Amino acid sequence: MPTTTKTTRKANPALLKPVQPDAELAAVVGSDAIPRSEIIKKLWDYIKKHKLQDEKNKRNINADAALKPIFGGKDQVSMFEMTKLVSGHIVK
């Protein structure tokens, strides 16, 4: 009878390293250097607080005045596109 060992998944160190949001992103998540995962969490908190998730298609996010610059001027983006666009607002 083979024994199976449960492997614990380690977090990606790149996602845990604090990064600095630019001015547009800082308007929503704050100006402190925080990990990417925390930036996405704060964005989702903002989206839910302001009811910006599309009613018909929950995967889409509607932009308000604060999110539009982050979303490259688009009125609506998918949640997957959002994470890609946020990467462009992190100071390297």
PDB file of N, CA and C in Angstrom:
ATOM      1  N   MET A   1       0.840  -1.173   0.000  1.00  0.00           N
ATOM      2  CA  MET A   1       0.000   0.000   0.000  1.00  0.00           C
ATOM      3  C   MET A   1       0.895   1.250   0.000  1.00  0.00           C
ATOM      4  N   PRO A   2       0.810   2.076  -1.057  1.00  0.00           N
ATOM      5  CA  PRO A   2       1.683   3.254  -1.126  1.00  0.00           C
ATOM      6  C   PRO A   2       1.238   4.317  -0.122  1.00  0.00           C
ATOM      7  N   THR A   3       2.217   4.980   0.426  1.00  0.00           N
ATOM      8  CA  THR A   3       1.905   6.072   1.351  1.00  0.00           C
ATOM      9  C   THR A   3       1.992   7.388   0.589  1.00  0.00           C
ATOM     10  N   THR A   4       1.044   8.222   0.855  1.00  0.00           N
ATOM     11  CA  THR A   4       1.065   9.527   0.202  1.00  0.00           C
ATOM     12  C   THR A   4       1.396  10.580   1.245  1.00  0.00           C
ATOM     13  N   THR A   5       2.262  11.465   0.846  1.00  0.00           N
ATOM     14  CA  THR A   5       2.606  12.562   1.744  1.00  0.00           C
ATOM     15  C   THR A   5       1.941  13.820   1.217  1.00  0.00           C
ATOM     16  N   LYS A   6       1.347  14.537   2.106  1.00  0.00           N
ATOM     17  CA  LYS A   6       0.675  15.771   1.718  1.00  0.00           C
ATOM     18  C   LYS A   6       1.715  16.883   1.637  1.00  0.00           C
ATOM     19  N   THR A   7       1.796  17.508   0.489  1.00  0.00           N
ATOM     20  CA  THR A   7       2.750  18.602   0.333  1.00  0.00           C
ATOM     21  C   THR A   7       2.025  19.910   0.559  1.00  0.00           C
ATOM     22  N   THR A   8       2.637  20.780   1.307  1.00  0.00           N
ATOM     23  CA  THR A   8       2.044  22.095   1.519  1.00  0.00           C
ATOM     24  C   THR A   8       2.550  23.021   0.433  1.00  0.00           C
ATOM     25  N   ARG A   9       1.633  23.775  -0.090  1.00  0.00           N
ATOM     26  CA  ARG A   9       1.973  24.692  -1.161  1.00  0.00           C
ATOM     27  C   ARG A   9       2.541  25.968  -0.561  1.00  0.00           C
ATOM     28  N   LYS A  10       3.683  26.376  -1.066  1.00  0.00           N
ATOM     29  CA  LYS A  10       4.328  27.586  -0.563  1.00  0.00           C
ATOM     30  C   LYS A  10       3.879  28.781  -1.397  1.00  0.00           C
ATOM     31  N   ALA A  11       3.718  29.905  -0.744  1.00  0.00           N
ATOM     32  CA  ALA A  11       3.321  31.130  -1.427  1.00  0.00           C
ATOM     33  C   ALA A  11       4.469  31.621  -2.308  1.00  0.00           C
ATOM     34  N   ASN A  12       4.100  32.194  -3.423  1.00  0.00           N
ATOM     35  CA  ASN A  12       5.086  32.756  -4.337  1.00  0.00           C
ATOM     36  C   ASN A  12       5.715  33.993  -3.674  1.00  0.00           C
ATOM     37  N   PRO A  13       7.034  33.984  -3.449  1.00  0.00           N
ATOM     38  CA  PRO A  13       7.673  35.112  -2.767  1.00  0.00           C
ATOM     39  C   PRO A  13       7.466  36.450  -3.489  1.00  0.00           C
ATOM     40  N   ALA A  14       7.316  36.419  -4.809  1.00  0.00           N
ATOM     41  CA  ALA A  14       7.115  37.659  -5.562  1.00  0.00           C
ATOM     42  C   ALA A  14       5.789  38.316  -5.185  1.00  0.00           C
ATOM     43  N   LEU A  15       4.797  37.505  -4.821  1.00  0.00           N
ATOM     44  CA  LEU A  15       3.503  38.056  -4.451  1.00  0.00           C
ATOM     45  C   LEU A  15       3.499  38.611  -3.027  1.00  0.00           C
ATOM     46  N   LEU A  16       4.463  38.194  -2.223  1.00  0.00           N
ATOM     47  CA  LEU A  16       4.529  38.652  -0.832  1.00  0.00           C
ATOM     48  C   LEU A  16       5.397  39.892  -0.656  1.00  0.00           C
ATOM     49  N   LYS A  17       6.222  40.193  -1.663  1.00  0.00           N
ATOM     50  CA  LYS A  17       7.135  41.337  -1.576  1.00  0.00           C
ATOM     51  C   LYS A  17       6.342  42.646  -1.718  1.00  0.00           C
ATOM     52  N   PRO A  18       6.519  43.571  -0.793  1.00  0.00           N
ATOM     53  CA  PRO A  18       5.811  44.850  -0.904  1.00  0.00           C
ATOM     54  C   PRO A  18       6.218  45.604  -2.172  1.00  0.00           C
ATOM     55  N   VAL A  19       5.226  46.169  -2.840  1.00  0.00           N
ATOM     56  CA  VAL A  19       5.455  46.972  -4.041  1.00  0.00           C
ATOM     57  C   VAL A  19       4.812  48.340  -3.838  1.00  0.00           C
ATOM     58  N   GLN A  20       5.294  49.309  -4.574  1.00  0.00           N
ATOM     59  CA  GLN A  20       4.818  50.681  -4.427  1.00  0.00           C
ATOM     60  C   GLN A  20       3.799  51.019  -5.525  1.00  0.00           C
ATOM     61  N   PRO A  21       2.537  51.315  -5.145  1.00  0.00           N
ATOM     62  CA  PRO A  21       1.559  51.722  -6.162  1.00  0.00           C
ATOM     63  C   PRO A  21       1.854  53.142  -6.653  1.00  0.00           C
ATOM     64  N   ASP A  22       1.549  53.414  -7.929  1.00  0.00           N
ATOM     65  CA  ASP A  22       1.722  54.772  -8.438  1.00  0.00           C
ATOM     66  C   ASP A  22       0.578  55.647  -7.918  1.00  0.00           C
ATOM     67  N   ALA A  23       0.560  56.924  -8.291  1.00  0.00           N
ATOM     68  CA  ALA A  23      -0.410  57.885  -7.758  1.00  0.00           C
ATOM     69  C   ALA A  23      -1.854  57.491  -8.073  1.00  0.00           C
ATOM     70  N   GLU A  24      -2.103  56.994  -9.305  1.00  0.00           N
ATOM     71  CA  GLU A  24      -3.472  56.625  -9.688  1.00  0.00           C
ATOM     72  C   GLU A  24      -3.984  55.454  -8.862  1.00  0.00           C
ATOM     73  N   LEU A  25      -3.158  54.434  -8.689  1.00  0.00           N
ATOM     74  CA  LEU A  25      -3.543  53.268  -7.896  1.00  0.00           C
ATOM     75  C   LEU A  25      -3.600  53.620  -6.407  1.00  0.00           C
ATOM     76  N   ALA A  26      -2.706  54.477  -5.958  1.00  0.00           N
ATOM     77  CA  ALA A  26      -2.674  54.885  -4.553  1.00  0.00           C
ATOM     78  C   ALA A  26      -3.960  55.608  -4.149  1.00  0.00           C
ATOM     79  N   ALA A  27      -4.626  56.258  -5.100  1.00  0.00           N
ATOM     80  CA  ALA A  27      -5.892  56.940  -4.807  1.00  0.00           C
ATOM     81  C   ALA A  27      -6.954  55.954  -4.326  1.00  0.00           C
ATOM     82  N   VAL A  28      -6.822  54.689  -4.699  1.00  0.00           N
ATOM     83  CA  VAL A  28      -7.797  53.668  -4.317  1.00  0.00           C
ATOM     84  C   VAL A  28      -7.291  52.801  -3.165  1.00  0.00           C
ATOM     85  N   VAL A  29      -6.028  52.358  -3.228  1.00  0.00           N
ATOM     86  CA  VAL A  29      -5.512  51.386  -2.245  1.00  0.00           C
ATOM     87  C   VAL A  29      -4.608  51.994  -1.177  1.00  0.00           C
ATOM     88  N   GLY A  30      -4.279  53.269  -1.293  1.00  0.00           N
ATOM     89  CA  GLY A  30      -3.363  53.895  -0.346  1.00  0.00           C
ATOM     90  C   GLY A  30      -1.956  53.956  -0.904  1.00  0.00           C
ATOM     91  N   SER A  31      -1.140  54.810  -0.321  1.00  0.00           N
ATOM     92  CA  SER A  31       0.188  55.048  -0.887  1.00  0.00           C
ATOM     93  C   SER A  31       1.299  54.216  -0.257  1.00  0.00           C
ATOM     94  N   ASP A  32       0.971  53.396   0.741  1.00  0.00           N
ATOM     95  CA  ASP A  32       1.994  52.560   1.370  1.00  0.00           C
ATOM     96  C   ASP A  32       2.392  51.406   0.465  1.00  0.00           C
ATOM     97  N   ALA A  33       3.643  50.976   0.570  1.00  0.00           N
ATOM     98  CA  ALA A  33       4.119  49.805  -0.165  1.00  0.00           C
ATOM     99  C   ALA A  33       3.501  48.565   0.486  1.00  0.00           C
ATOM    100  N   ILE A  34       2.746  47.796  -0.313  1.00  0.00           N
ATOM    101  CA  ILE A  34       2.085  46.581   0.178  1.00  0.00           C
ATOM    102  C   ILE A  34       2.232  45.473  -0.861  1.00  0.00           C
ATOM    103  N   PRO A  35       2.071  44.206  -0.457  1.00  0.00           N
ATOM    104  CA  PRO A  35       2.164  43.104  -1.426  1.00  0.00           C
ATOM    105  C   PRO A  35       1.053  43.175  -2.489  1.00  0.00           C
ATOM    106  N   ARG A  36       1.337  42.612  -3.656  1.00  0.00           N
ATOM    107  CA  ARG A  36       0.357  42.589  -4.750  1.00  0.00           C
ATOM    108  C   ARG A  36      -0.967  41.987  -4.320  1.00  0.00           C
ATOM    109  N   SER A  37      -0.899  40.915  -3.540  1.00  0.00           N
ATOM    110  CA  SER A  37      -2.130  40.255  -3.093  1.00  0.00           C
ATOM    111  C   SER A  37      -2.993  41.207  -2.278  1.00  0.00           C
ATOM    112  N   GLU A  38      -2.357  42.049  -1.492  1.00  0.00           N
ATOM    113  CA  GLU A  38      -3.080  43.023  -0.673  1.00  0.00           C
ATOM    114  C   GLU A  38      -3.669  44.134  -1.542  1.00  0.00           C
ATOM    115  N   ILE A  39      -2.967  44.507  -2.608  1.00  0.00           N
ATOM    116  CA  ILE A  39      -3.485  45.510  -3.539  1.00  0.00           C
ATOM    117  C   ILE A  39      -4.777  45.004  -4.179  1.00  0.00           C
ATOM    118  N   ILE A  40      -4.760  43.759  -4.649  1.00  0.00           N
ATOM    119  CA  ILE A  40      -5.954  43.178  -5.280  1.00  0.00           C
ATOM    120  C   ILE A  40      -7.078  43.074  -4.266  1.00  0.00           C
ATOM    121  N   LYS A  41      -6.761  42.690  -3.037  1.00  0.00           N
ATOM    122  CA  LYS A  41      -7.785  42.589  -1.989  1.00  0.00           C
ATOM    123  C   LYS A  41      -8.428  43.951  -1.731  1.00  0.00           C
ATOM    124  N   LYS A  42      -7.603  44.992  -1.638  1.00  0.00           N
ATOM    125  CA  LYS A  42      -8.134  46.338  -1.395  1.00  0.00           C
ATOM    126  C   LYS A  42      -8.967  46.827  -2.579  1.00  0.00           C
ATOM    127  N   LEU A  43      -8.543  46.488  -3.795  1.00  0.00           N
ATOM    128  CA  LEU A  43      -9.330  46.852  -4.970  1.00  0.00           C
ATOM    129  C   LEU A  43     -10.710  46.195  -4.915  1.00  0.00           C
ATOM    130  N   TRP A  44     -10.744  44.904  -4.572  1.00  0.00           N
ATOM    131  CA  TRP A  44     -12.027  44.202  -4.473  1.00  0.00           C
ATOM    132  C   TRP A  44     -12.893  44.797  -3.371  1.00  0.00           C
ATOM    133  N   ASP A  45     -12.295  45.178  -2.254  1.00  0.00           N
ATOM    134  CA  ASP A  45     -13.056  45.832  -1.182  1.00  0.00           C
ATOM    135  C   ASP A  45     -13.692  47.117  -1.705  1.00  0.00           C
ATOM    136  N   TYR A  46     -12.918  47.894  -2.469  1.00  0.00           N
ATOM    137  CA  TYR A  46     -13.410  49.148  -3.054  1.00  0.00           C
ATOM    138  C   TYR A  46     -14.543  48.869  -4.043  1.00  0.00           C
ATOM    139  N   ILE A  47     -14.342  47.874  -4.903  1.00  0.00           N
ATOM    140  CA  ILE A  47     -15.345  47.520  -5.922  1.00  0.00           C
ATOM    141  C   ILE A  47     -16.658  47.107  -5.262  1.00  0.00           C
ATOM    142  N   LYS A  48     -16.570  46.285  -4.227  1.00  0.00           N
ATOM    143  CA  LYS A  48     -17.782  45.828  -3.538  1.00  0.00           C
ATOM    144  C   LYS A  48     -18.455  46.961  -2.767  1.00  0.00           C
ATOM    145  N   LYS A  49     -17.659  47.797  -2.122  1.00  0.00           N
ATOM    146  CA  LYS A  49     -18.201  48.913  -1.349  1.00  0.00           C
ATOM    147  C   LYS A  49     -18.997  49.871  -2.239  1.00  0.00           C
ATOM    148  N   HIS A  50     -18.491  50.106  -3.451  1.00  0.00           N
ATOM    149  CA  HIS A  50     -19.123  51.049  -4.375  1.00  0.00           C
ATOM    150  C   HIS A  50     -20.044  50.356  -5.398  1.00  0.00           C
ATOM    151  N   LYS A  51     -20.264  49.048  -5.205  1.00  0.00           N
ATOM    152  CA  LYS A  51     -21.163  48.257  -6.078  1.00  0.00           C
ATOM    153  C   LYS A  51     -20.812  48.425  -7.564  1.00  0.00           C
ATOM    154  N   LEU A  52     -19.542  48.181  -7.886  1.00  0.00           N
ATOM    155  CA  LEU A  52     -19.051  48.357  -9.258  1.00  0.00           C
ATOM    156  C   LEU A  52     -18.984  47.059 -10.043  1.00  0.00           C
ATOM    157  N   GLN A  53     -19.332  45.944  -9.404  1.00  0.00           N
ATOM    158  CA  GLN A  53     -19.348  44.670 -10.116  1.00  0.00           C
ATOM    159  C   GLN A  53     -20.603  44.645 -10.985  1.00  0.00           C
ATOM    160  N   ASP A  54     -20.453  44.269 -12.251  1.00  0.00           N
ATOM    161  CA  ASP A  54     -21.575  44.261 -13.190  1.00  0.00           C
ATOM    162  C   ASP A  54     -22.668  43.314 -12.697  1.00  0.00           C
ATOM    163  N   GLU A  55     -23.914  43.767 -12.740  1.00  0.00           N
ATOM    164  CA  GLU A  55     -25.044  42.961 -12.255  1.00  0.00           C
ATOM    165  C   GLU A  55     -25.289  41.717 -13.107  1.00  0.00           C
ATOM    166  N   LYS A  56     -25.174  41.857 -14.429  1.00  0.00           N
ATOM    167  CA  LYS A  56     -25.466  40.730 -15.325  1.00  0.00           C
ATOM    168  C   LYS A  56     -24.310  39.745 -15.425  1.00  0.00           C
ATOM    169  N   ASN A  57     -23.104  40.269 -15.516  1.00  0.00           N
ATOM    170  CA  ASN A  57     -21.915  39.428 -15.642  1.00  0.00           C
ATOM    171  C   ASN A  57     -20.955  39.791 -14.511  1.00  0.00           C
ATOM    172  N   LYS A  58     -20.965  38.998 -13.449  1.00  0.00           N
ATOM    173  CA  LYS A  58     -20.185  39.302 -12.240  1.00  0.00           C
ATOM    174  C   LYS A  58     -18.680  39.324 -12.480  1.00  0.00           C
ATOM    175  N   ARG A  59     -18.231  38.811 -13.631  1.00  0.00           N
ATOM    176  CA  ARG A  59     -16.792  38.823 -13.926  1.00  0.00           C
ATOM    177  C   ARG A  59     -16.321  40.181 -14.410  1.00  0.00           C
ATOM    178  N   ASN A  60     -17.245  41.073 -14.703  1.00  0.00           N
ATOM    179  CA  ASN A  60     -16.884  42.400 -15.208  1.00  0.00           C
ATOM    180  C   ASN A  60     -16.975  43.451 -14.114  1.00  0.00           C
ATOM    181  N   ILE A  61     -16.054  44.399 -14.183  1.00  0.00           N
ATOM    182  CA  ILE A  61     -15.985  45.494 -13.224  1.00  0.00           C
ATOM    183  C   ILE A  61     -16.265  46.793 -13.977  1.00  0.00           C
ATOM    184  N   ASN A  62     -17.219  47.574 -13.483  1.00  0.00           N
ATOM    185  CA  ASN A  62     -17.523  48.877 -14.066  1.00  0.00           C
ATOM    186  C   ASN A  62     -16.632  49.921 -13.407  1.00  0.00           C
ATOM    187  N   ALA A  63     -16.036  50.774 -14.203  1.00  0.00           N
ATOM    188  CA  ALA A  63     -15.103  51.779 -13.678  1.00  0.00           C
ATOM    189  C   ALA A  63     -15.857  53.018 -13.221  1.00  0.00           C
ATOM    190  N   ASP A  64     -15.433  53.566 -12.086  1.00  0.00           N
ATOM    191  CA  ASP A  64     -15.896  54.887 -11.672  1.00  0.00           C
ATOM    192  C   ASP A  64     -14.736  55.852 -11.932  1.00  0.00           C
ATOM    193  N   ALA A  65     -14.856  57.072 -11.454  1.00  0.00           N
ATOM    194  CA  ALA A  65     -13.823  58.085 -11.724  1.00  0.00           C
ATOM    195  C   ALA A  65     -12.450  57.677 -11.192  1.00  0.00           C
ATOM    196  N   ALA A  66     -12.416  56.983 -10.052  1.00  0.00           N
ATOM    197  CA  ALA A  66     -11.131  56.587  -9.467  1.00  0.00           C
ATOM    198  C   ALA A  66     -10.508  55.401 -10.193  1.00  0.00           C
ATOM    199  N   LEU A  67     -11.336  54.487 -10.691  1.00  0.00           N
ATOM    200  CA  LEU A  67     -10.805  53.282 -11.340  1.00  0.00           C
ATOM    201  C   LEU A  67     -10.489  53.480 -12.827  1.00  0.00           C
ATOM    202  N   LYS A  68     -11.142  54.434 -13.457  1.00  0.00           N
ATOM    203  CA  LYS A  68     -10.950  54.626 -14.904  1.00  0.00           C
ATOM    204  C   LYS A  68      -9.476  54.828 -15.297  1.00  0.00           C
ATOM    205  N   PRO A  69      -8.700  55.649 -14.573  1.00  0.00           N
ATOM    206  CA  PRO A  69      -7.279  55.800 -14.935  1.00  0.00           C
ATOM    207  C   PRO A  69      -6.496  54.486 -14.775  1.00  0.00           C
ATOM    208  N   ILE A  70      -6.866  53.686 -13.783  1.00  0.00           N
ATOM    209  CA  ILE A  70      -6.195  52.401 -13.559  1.00  0.00           C
ATOM    210  C   ILE A  70      -6.537  51.440 -14.689  1.00  0.00           C
ATOM    211  N   PHE A  71      -7.772  51.506 -15.164  1.00  0.00           N
ATOM    212  CA  PHE A  71      -8.249  50.614 -16.231  1.00  0.00           C
ATOM    213  C   PHE A  71      -7.915  51.134 -17.628  1.00  0.00           C
ATOM    214  N   GLY A  72      -7.025  52.089 -17.732  1.00  0.00           N
ATOM    215  CA  GLY A  72      -6.604  52.606 -19.028  1.00  0.00           C
ATOM    216  C   GLY A  72      -7.697  53.363 -19.759  1.00  0.00           C
ATOM    217  N   GLY A  73      -8.600  53.992 -19.015  1.00  0.00           N
ATOM    218  CA  GLY A  73      -9.675  54.784 -19.612  1.00  0.00           C
ATOM    219  C   GLY A  73     -10.897  53.971 -20.015  1.00  0.00           C
ATOM    220  N   LYS A  74     -10.867  52.659 -19.810  1.00  0.00           N
ATOM    221  CA  LYS A  74     -11.998  51.813 -20.185  1.00  0.00           C
ATOM    222  C   LYS A  74     -13.128  51.954 -19.171  1.00  0.00           C
ATOM    223  N   ASP A  75     -14.371  51.834 -19.650  1.00  0.00           N
ATOM    224  CA  ASP A  75     -15.542  51.900 -18.776  1.00  0.00           C
ATOM    225  C   ASP A  75     -15.772  50.589 -18.035  1.00  0.00           C
ATOM    226  N   GLN A  76     -15.306  49.485 -18.626  1.00  0.00           N
ATOM    227  CA  GLN A  76     -15.519  48.170 -18.016  1.00  0.00           C
ATOM    228  C   GLN A  76     -14.379  47.235 -18.399  1.00  0.00           C
ATOM    229  N   VAL A  77     -13.933  46.433 -17.421  1.00  0.00           N
ATOM    230  CA  VAL A  77     -12.899  45.419 -17.675  1.00  0.00           C
ATOM    231  C   VAL A  77     -13.306  44.132 -16.979  1.00  0.00           C
ATOM    232  N   SER A  78     -12.724  43.016 -17.424  1.00  0.00           N
ATOM    233  CA  SER A  78     -12.976  41.747 -16.738  1.00  0.00           C
ATOM    234  C   SER A  78     -12.060  41.680 -15.519  1.00  0.00           C
ATOM    235  N   MET A  79     -12.412  40.816 -14.571  1.00  0.00           N
ATOM    236  CA  MET A  79     -11.582  40.703 -13.361  1.00  0.00           C
ATOM    237  C   MET A  79     -10.181  40.217 -13.697  1.00  0.00           C
ATOM    238  N   PHE A  80     -10.048  39.441 -14.769  1.00  0.00           N
ATOM    239  CA  PHE A  80      -8.729  38.940 -15.178  1.00  0.00           C
ATOM    240  C   PHE A  80      -7.911  40.048 -15.815  1.00  0.00           C
ATOM    241  N   GLU A  81      -8.573  40.881 -16.597  1.00  0.00           N
ATOM    242  CA  GLU A  81      -7.905  42.017 -17.226  1.00  0.00           C
ATOM    243  C   GLU A  81      -7.484  43.036 -16.159  1.00  0.00           C
ATOM    244  N   MET A  82      -8.280  43.152 -15.110  1.00  0.00           N
ATOM    245  CA  MET A  82      -7.989  44.101 -14.038  1.00  0.00           C
ATOM    246  C   MET A  82      -6.626  43.823 -13.411  1.00  0.00           C
ATOM    247  N   THR A  83      -6.327  42.557 -13.111  1.00  0.00           N
ATOM    248  CA  THR A  83      -5.046  42.234 -12.479  1.00  0.00           C
ATOM    249  C   THR A  83      -3.875  42.591 -13.399  1.00  0.00           C
ATOM    250  N   LYS A  84      -4.080  42.398 -14.701  1.00  0.00           N
ATOM    251  CA  LYS A  84      -3.033  42.753 -15.675  1.00  0.00           C
ATOM    252  C   LYS A  84      -2.833  44.264 -15.722  1.00  0.00           C
ATOM    253  N   LEU A  85      -3.931  45.012 -15.720  1.00  0.00           N
ATOM    254  CA  LEU A  85      -3.837  46.467 -15.780  1.00  0.00           C
ATOM    255  C   LEU A  85      -3.231  47.054 -14.512  1.00  0.00           C
ATOM    256  N   VAL A  86      -3.499  46.435 -13.373  1.00  0.00           N
ATOM    257  CA  VAL A  86      -2.940  46.912 -12.099  1.00  0.00           C
ATOM    258  C   VAL A  86      -1.422  46.818 -12.113  1.00  0.00           C
ATOM    259  N   SER A  87      -0.880  45.795 -12.757  1.00  0.00           N
ATOM    260  CA  SER A  87       0.576  45.615 -12.828  1.00  0.00           C
ATOM    261  C   SER A  87       1.262  46.821 -13.455  1.00  0.00           C
ATOM    262  N   GLY A  88       0.582  47.490 -14.358  1.00  0.00           N
ATOM    263  CA  GLY A  88       1.136  48.677 -14.993  1.00  0.00           C
ATOM    264  C   GLY A  88       1.171  49.893 -14.087  1.00  0.00           C
ATOM    265  N   HIS A  89       0.546  49.789 -12.920  1.00  0.00           N
ATOM    266  CA  HIS A  89       0.499  50.909 -11.971  1.00  0.00           C
ATOM    267  C   HIS A  89       1.333  50.657 -10.732  1.00  0.00           C
ATOM    268  N   ILE A  90       2.282  49.741 -10.865  1.00  0.00           N
ATOM    269  CA  ILE A  90       3.193  49.448  -9.765  1.00  0.00           C
ATOM    270  C   ILE A  90       4.568  50.010 -10.125  1.00  0.00           C
ATOM    271  N   VAL A  91       5.084  50.851  -9.257  1.00  0.00           N
ATOM    272  CA  VAL A  91       6.367  51.502  -9.493  1.00  0.00           C
ATOM    273  C   VAL A  91       7.467  50.471  -9.350  1.00  0.00           C
ATOM    274  N   LYS A  92       8.310  50.385 -10.347  1.00  0.00           N
ATOM    275  CA  LYS A  92       9.393  49.399 -10.332  1.00  0.00           C
ATOM    276  C   LYS A  92      10.668  50.022  -9.806  1.00  0.00           C
TER     277      LYS A  92
END
